[in-house]
Amino acid sequence: MSAHANTLSPARPGSAFSPWTVRGALALDALATGGNGLAYLALSGPLGGLLGAGRATLAGLGLLLTGYALAVGALAARRRPPRPGVRAVVGLNLGWVVLSLVAMGEWLEPTTAGSVWTVLQAALVGLFAALQLTALRRADRVGRSTAV
């Protein structure tokens, strides 16, 4: 077992930010989530009307998503993202998917555009979780095959 049992091996040079690597999957998540969060913050009024969400709700979500994106981006920037951190991101992403769909059906009253947006963003976050989990498993296999 290596000295870095709780961290992932760095990818080959030039491929570290491929969506098929842990760092790449995390970076893609951070970019999309950060862009979404900033849009919610900057355009909470117009987007709120389009999606059927209150301005304060979208601004709060914008702050949450921007903070989350910064944390995920910081994890992606590490040469060897720690496995527990990556697993936490996967779990939070899966939780977001479930919460988005439950919220849409239980306590939000979105417009048609808001309903479509909620399903699309939940699907995208689910895709991020799948990419991250797949990359994590691939990194684990590669690490085991190269362990001394």
C-alpha atoms as a PDB file:
ATOM      1  CA  MET A   1       0.000   0.000   0.000  1.00  0.00           C
ATOM      2  CA  SER A   2       1.286   3.474  -0.790  1.00  0.00           C
ATOM      3  CA  ALA A   3       1.942   6.264   1.659  1.00  0.00           C
ATOM      4  CA  HIS A   4      -0.990   8.124   0.121  1.00  0.00           C
ATOM      5  CA  ALA A   5      -3.698   5.543   0.845  1.00  0.00           C
ATOM      6  CA  ASN A   6      -6.382   8.207   1.209  1.00  0.00           C
ATOM      7  CA  THR A   7      -5.391  10.239  -1.846  1.00  0.00           C
ATOM      8  CA  LEU A   8      -5.631   9.625  -5.539  1.00  0.00           C
ATOM      9  CA  SER A   9      -2.626   9.290  -7.790  1.00  0.00           C
ATOM     10  CA  PRO A  10      -2.147  12.169 -10.193  1.00  0.00           C
ATOM     11  CA  ALA A  11      -3.195  11.547 -13.767  1.00  0.00           C
ATOM     12  CA  ARG A  12      -0.751  11.404 -16.646  1.00  0.00           C
ATOM     13  CA  PRO A  13       0.526  14.841 -17.694  1.00  0.00           C
ATOM     14  CA  GLY A  14      -1.859  16.547 -20.079  1.00  0.00           C
ATOM     15  CA  SER A  15      -4.849  14.485 -19.005  1.00  0.00           C
ATOM     16  CA  ALA A  16      -5.402  15.671 -15.423  1.00  0.00           C
ATOM     17  CA  PHE A  17      -8.462  17.719 -16.324  1.00  0.00           C
ATOM     18  CA  SER A  18     -10.121  15.245 -18.661  1.00  0.00           C
ATOM     19  CA  PRO A  19     -13.699  14.554 -17.512  1.00  0.00           C
ATOM     20  CA  TRP A  20     -12.599  10.904 -17.205  1.00  0.00           C
ATOM     21  CA  THR A  21     -10.179  11.743 -14.384  1.00  0.00           C
ATOM     22  CA  VAL A  22     -11.195  12.561 -10.821  1.00  0.00           C
ATOM     23  CA  ARG A  23      -9.734  16.046 -11.055  1.00  0.00           C
ATOM     24  CA  GLY A  24     -11.387  16.659 -14.404  1.00  0.00           C
ATOM     25  CA  ALA A  25     -14.797  15.461 -13.261  1.00  0.00           C
ATOM     26  CA  LEU A  26     -14.527  17.663 -10.170  1.00  0.00           C
ATOM     27  CA  ALA A  27     -13.395  20.674 -12.227  1.00  0.00           C
ATOM     28  CA  LEU A  28     -16.271  20.271 -14.679  1.00  0.00           C
ATOM     29  CA  ASP A  29     -18.700  20.103 -11.755  1.00  0.00           C
ATOM     30  CA  ALA A  30     -17.161  23.208 -10.163  1.00  0.00           C
ATOM     31  CA  LEU A  31     -17.358  25.206 -13.395  1.00  0.00           C
ATOM     32  CA  ALA A  32     -20.984  24.321 -14.146  1.00  0.00           C
ATOM     33  CA  THR A  33     -22.120  24.717 -10.545  1.00  0.00           C
ATOM     34  CA  GLY A  34     -20.260  27.997 -10.150  1.00  0.00           C
ATOM     35  CA  GLY A  35     -21.731  29.367 -13.363  1.00  0.00           C
ATOM     36  CA  ASN A  36     -25.204  28.362 -12.235  1.00  0.00           C
ATOM     37  CA  GLY A  37     -24.673  29.890  -8.800  1.00  0.00           C
ATOM     38  CA  LEU A  38     -23.387  33.167 -10.225  1.00  0.00           C
ATOM     39  CA  ALA A  39     -26.314  33.337 -12.659  1.00  0.00           C
ATOM     40  CA  TYR A  40     -28.756  32.830  -9.783  1.00  0.00           C
ATOM     41  CA  LEU A  41     -27.044  35.613  -7.836  1.00  0.00           C
ATOM     42  CA  ALA A  42     -26.780  38.097 -10.692  1.00  0.00           C
ATOM     43  CA  LEU A  43     -30.152  37.383 -12.318  1.00  0.00           C
ATOM     44  CA  SER A  44     -32.304  36.234  -9.413  1.00  0.00           C
ATOM     45  CA  GLY A  45     -35.194  38.524 -10.404  1.00  0.00           C
ATOM     46  CA  PRO A  46     -35.550  37.636 -14.091  1.00  0.00           C
ATOM     47  CA  LEU A  47     -34.652  33.970 -13.575  1.00  0.00           C
ATOM     48  CA  GLY A  48     -37.048  33.775 -10.646  1.00  0.00           C
ATOM     49  CA  GLY A  49     -39.898  34.912 -12.877  1.00  0.00           C
ATOM     50  CA  LEU A  50     -38.930  32.506 -15.638  1.00  0.00           C
ATOM     51  CA  LEU A  51     -38.512  29.511 -13.324  1.00  0.00           C
ATOM     52  CA  GLY A  52     -41.295  30.290 -10.861  1.00  0.00           C
ATOM     53  CA  ALA A  53     -38.982  30.785  -7.888  1.00  0.00           C
ATOM     54  CA  GLY A  54     -38.707  33.759  -5.577  1.00  0.00           C
ATOM     55  CA  ARG A  55     -35.862  36.198  -5.915  1.00  0.00           C
ATOM     56  CA  ALA A  56     -34.645  35.480  -2.355  1.00  0.00           C
ATOM     57  CA  THR A  57     -34.803  31.723  -2.965  1.00  0.00           C
ATOM     58  CA  LEU A  58     -32.651  31.965  -6.076  1.00  0.00           C
ATOM     59  CA  ALA A  59     -30.198  34.363  -4.437  1.00  0.00           C
ATOM     60  CA  GLY A  60     -29.835  31.959  -1.493  1.00  0.00           C
ATOM     61  CA  LEU A  61     -29.330  29.034  -3.847  1.00  0.00           C
ATOM     62  CA  GLY A  62     -26.828  31.130  -5.771  1.00  0.00           C
ATOM     63  CA  LEU A  63     -24.774  31.710  -2.629  1.00  0.00           C
ATOM     64  CA  LEU A  64     -24.946  28.023  -1.707  1.00  0.00           C
ATOM     65  CA  LEU A  65     -23.978  26.842  -5.190  1.00  0.00           C
ATOM     66  CA  THR A  66     -21.155  29.370  -5.536  1.00  0.00           C
ATOM     67  CA  GLY A  67     -19.676  28.313  -2.201  1.00  0.00           C
ATOM     68  CA  TYR A  68     -20.035  24.643  -3.096  1.00  0.00           C
ATOM     69  CA  ALA A  69     -18.386  25.256  -6.478  1.00  0.00           C
ATOM     70  CA  LEU A  70     -15.424  26.950  -4.788  1.00  0.00           C
ATOM     71  CA  ALA A  71     -15.003  23.975  -2.451  1.00  0.00           C
ATOM     72  CA  VAL A  72     -15.246  21.453  -5.307  1.00  0.00           C
ATOM     73  CA  GLY A  73     -12.846  23.567  -7.379  1.00  0.00           C
ATOM     74  CA  ALA A  74     -10.357  23.617  -4.506  1.00  0.00           C
ATOM     75  CA  LEU A  75     -10.580  19.835  -4.326  1.00  0.00           C
ATOM     76  CA  ALA A  76     -10.052  19.573  -8.102  1.00  0.00           C
ATOM     77  CA  ALA A  77      -7.013  21.837  -7.878  1.00  0.00           C
ATOM     78  CA  ARG A  78      -5.235  19.470  -5.509  1.00  0.00           C
ATOM     79  CA  ARG A  79      -2.651  17.249  -7.145  1.00  0.00           C
ATOM     80  CA  ARG A  80      -4.103  14.279  -5.270  1.00  0.00           C
ATOM     81  CA  PRO A  81      -7.701  14.903  -4.200  1.00  0.00           C
ATOM     82  CA  PRO A  82      -8.423  12.936  -1.021  1.00  0.00           C
ATOM     83  CA  ARG A  83     -10.812  10.024  -1.543  1.00  0.00           C
ATOM     84  CA  PRO A  84     -13.075  11.034   1.371  1.00  0.00           C
ATOM     85  CA  GLY A  85     -13.507  14.484  -0.169  1.00  0.00           C
ATOM     86  CA  VAL A  86     -14.365  13.041  -3.572  1.00  0.00           C
ATOM     87  CA  ARG A  87     -16.817  10.612  -1.994  1.00  0.00           C
ATOM     88  CA  ALA A  88     -18.418  13.503  -0.113  1.00  0.00           C
ATOM     89  CA  VAL A  89     -18.891  15.408  -3.389  1.00  0.00           C
ATOM     90  CA  VAL A  90     -20.487  12.345  -5.013  1.00  0.00           C
ATOM     91  CA  GLY A  91     -22.827  11.931  -2.031  1.00  0.00           C
ATOM     92  CA  LEU A  92     -23.772  15.615  -1.968  1.00  0.00           C
ATOM     93  CA  ASN A  93     -24.420  15.564  -5.707  1.00  0.00           C
ATOM     94  CA  LEU A  94     -26.696  12.546  -5.382  1.00  0.00           C
ATOM     95  CA  GLY A  95     -28.472  14.250  -2.490  1.00  0.00           C
ATOM     96  CA  TRP A  96     -28.973  17.341  -4.649  1.00  0.00           C
ATOM     97  CA  VAL A  97     -30.593  15.229  -7.371  1.00  0.00           C
ATOM     98  CA  VAL A  98     -33.065  13.680  -4.941  1.00  0.00           C
ATOM     99  CA  LEU A  99     -33.778  16.956  -3.152  1.00  0.00           C
ATOM    100  CA  SER A 100     -34.349  18.801  -6.435  1.00  0.00           C
ATOM    101  CA  LEU A 101     -36.930  16.304  -7.613  1.00  0.00           C
ATOM    102  CA  VAL A 102     -38.663  16.069  -4.225  1.00  0.00           C
ATOM    103  CA  ALA A 103     -38.736  19.870  -3.880  1.00  0.00           C
ATOM    104  CA  MET A 104     -40.281  20.224  -7.314  1.00  0.00           C
ATOM    105  CA  GLY A 105     -43.081  17.845  -6.415  1.00  0.00           C
ATOM    106  CA  GLU A 106     -43.624  18.767  -2.772  1.00  0.00           C
ATOM    107  CA  TRP A 107     -43.084  22.441  -2.040  1.00  0.00           C
ATOM    108  CA  LEU A 108     -42.033  24.398  -5.111  1.00  0.00           C
ATOM    109  CA  GLU A 109     -44.478  25.661  -7.704  1.00  0.00           C
ATOM    110  CA  PRO A 110     -42.273  26.022 -10.769  1.00  0.00           C
ATOM    111  CA  THR A 111     -43.363  27.250 -14.156  1.00  0.00           C
ATOM    112  CA  THR A 112     -43.128  24.820 -17.055  1.00  0.00           C
ATOM    113  CA  ALA A 113     -39.664  26.218 -17.774  1.00  0.00           C
ATOM    114  CA  GLY A 114     -38.802  25.795 -14.083  1.00  0.00           C
ATOM    115  CA  SER A 115     -39.916  22.170 -14.115  1.00  0.00           C
ATOM    116  CA  VAL A 116     -37.861  21.424 -17.215  1.00  0.00           C
ATOM    117  CA  TRP A 117     -34.860  23.267 -15.746  1.00  0.00           C
ATOM    118  CA  THR A 118     -35.099  21.392 -12.458  1.00  0.00           C
ATOM    119  CA  VAL A 119     -35.133  18.005 -14.193  1.00  0.00           C
ATOM    120  CA  LEU A 120     -32.282  18.992 -16.533  1.00  0.00           C
ATOM    121  CA  GLN A 121     -30.053  20.331 -13.771  1.00  0.00           C
ATOM    122  CA  ALA A 122     -30.779  17.273 -11.613  1.00  0.00           C
ATOM    123  CA  ALA A 123     -29.789  15.048 -14.547  1.00  0.00           C
ATOM    124  CA  LEU A 124     -26.573  17.038 -15.056  1.00  0.00           C
ATOM    125  CA  VAL A 125     -25.652  16.838 -11.365  1.00  0.00           C
ATOM    126  CA  GLY A 126     -26.388  13.096 -11.495  1.00  0.00           C
ATOM    127  CA  LEU A 127     -24.040  12.856 -14.487  1.00  0.00           C
ATOM    128  CA  PHE A 128     -21.327  14.662 -12.514  1.00  0.00           C
ATOM    129  CA  ALA A 129     -21.757  12.164  -9.677  1.00  0.00           C
ATOM    130  CA  ALA A 130     -21.522   9.253 -12.125  1.00  0.00           C
ATOM    131  CA  LEU A 131     -18.386  10.700 -13.776  1.00  0.00           C
ATOM    132  CA  GLN A 132     -16.775  11.312 -10.396  1.00  0.00           C
ATOM    133  CA  LEU A 133     -17.592   7.848  -9.096  1.00  0.00           C
ATOM    134  CA  THR A 134     -16.399   6.192 -12.314  1.00  0.00           C
ATOM    135  CA  ALA A 135     -13.160   8.205 -12.270  1.00  0.00           C
ATOM    136  CA  LEU A 136     -12.645   7.379  -8.592  1.00  0.00           C
ATOM    137  CA  ARG A 137     -13.057   3.664  -9.279  1.00  0.00           C
ATOM    138  CA  ARG A 138     -10.739   3.887 -12.288  1.00  0.00           C
ATOM    139  CA  ALA A 139      -8.104   5.679 -10.186  1.00  0.00           C
ATOM    140  CA  ASP A 140      -8.430   3.005  -7.502  1.00  0.00           C
ATOM    141  CA  ARG A 141      -7.879   0.248 -10.108  1.00  0.00           C
ATOM    142  CA  VAL A 142      -4.878   2.030 -11.595  1.00  0.00           C
ATOM    143  CA  GLY A 143      -3.452   2.672  -8.116  1.00  0.00           C
ATOM    144  CA  ARG A 144      -3.771  -0.986  -7.152  1.00  0.00           C
ATOM    145  CA  SER A 145      -2.111  -2.147 -10.345  1.00  0.00           C
ATOM    146  CA  THR A 146       0.862   0.183  -9.808  1.00  0.00           C
ATOM    147  CA  ALA A 147       1.230  -0.254  -6.040  1.00  0.00           C
ATOM    148  CA  VAL A 148       4.546  -1.645  -4.895  1.00  0.00           C
END
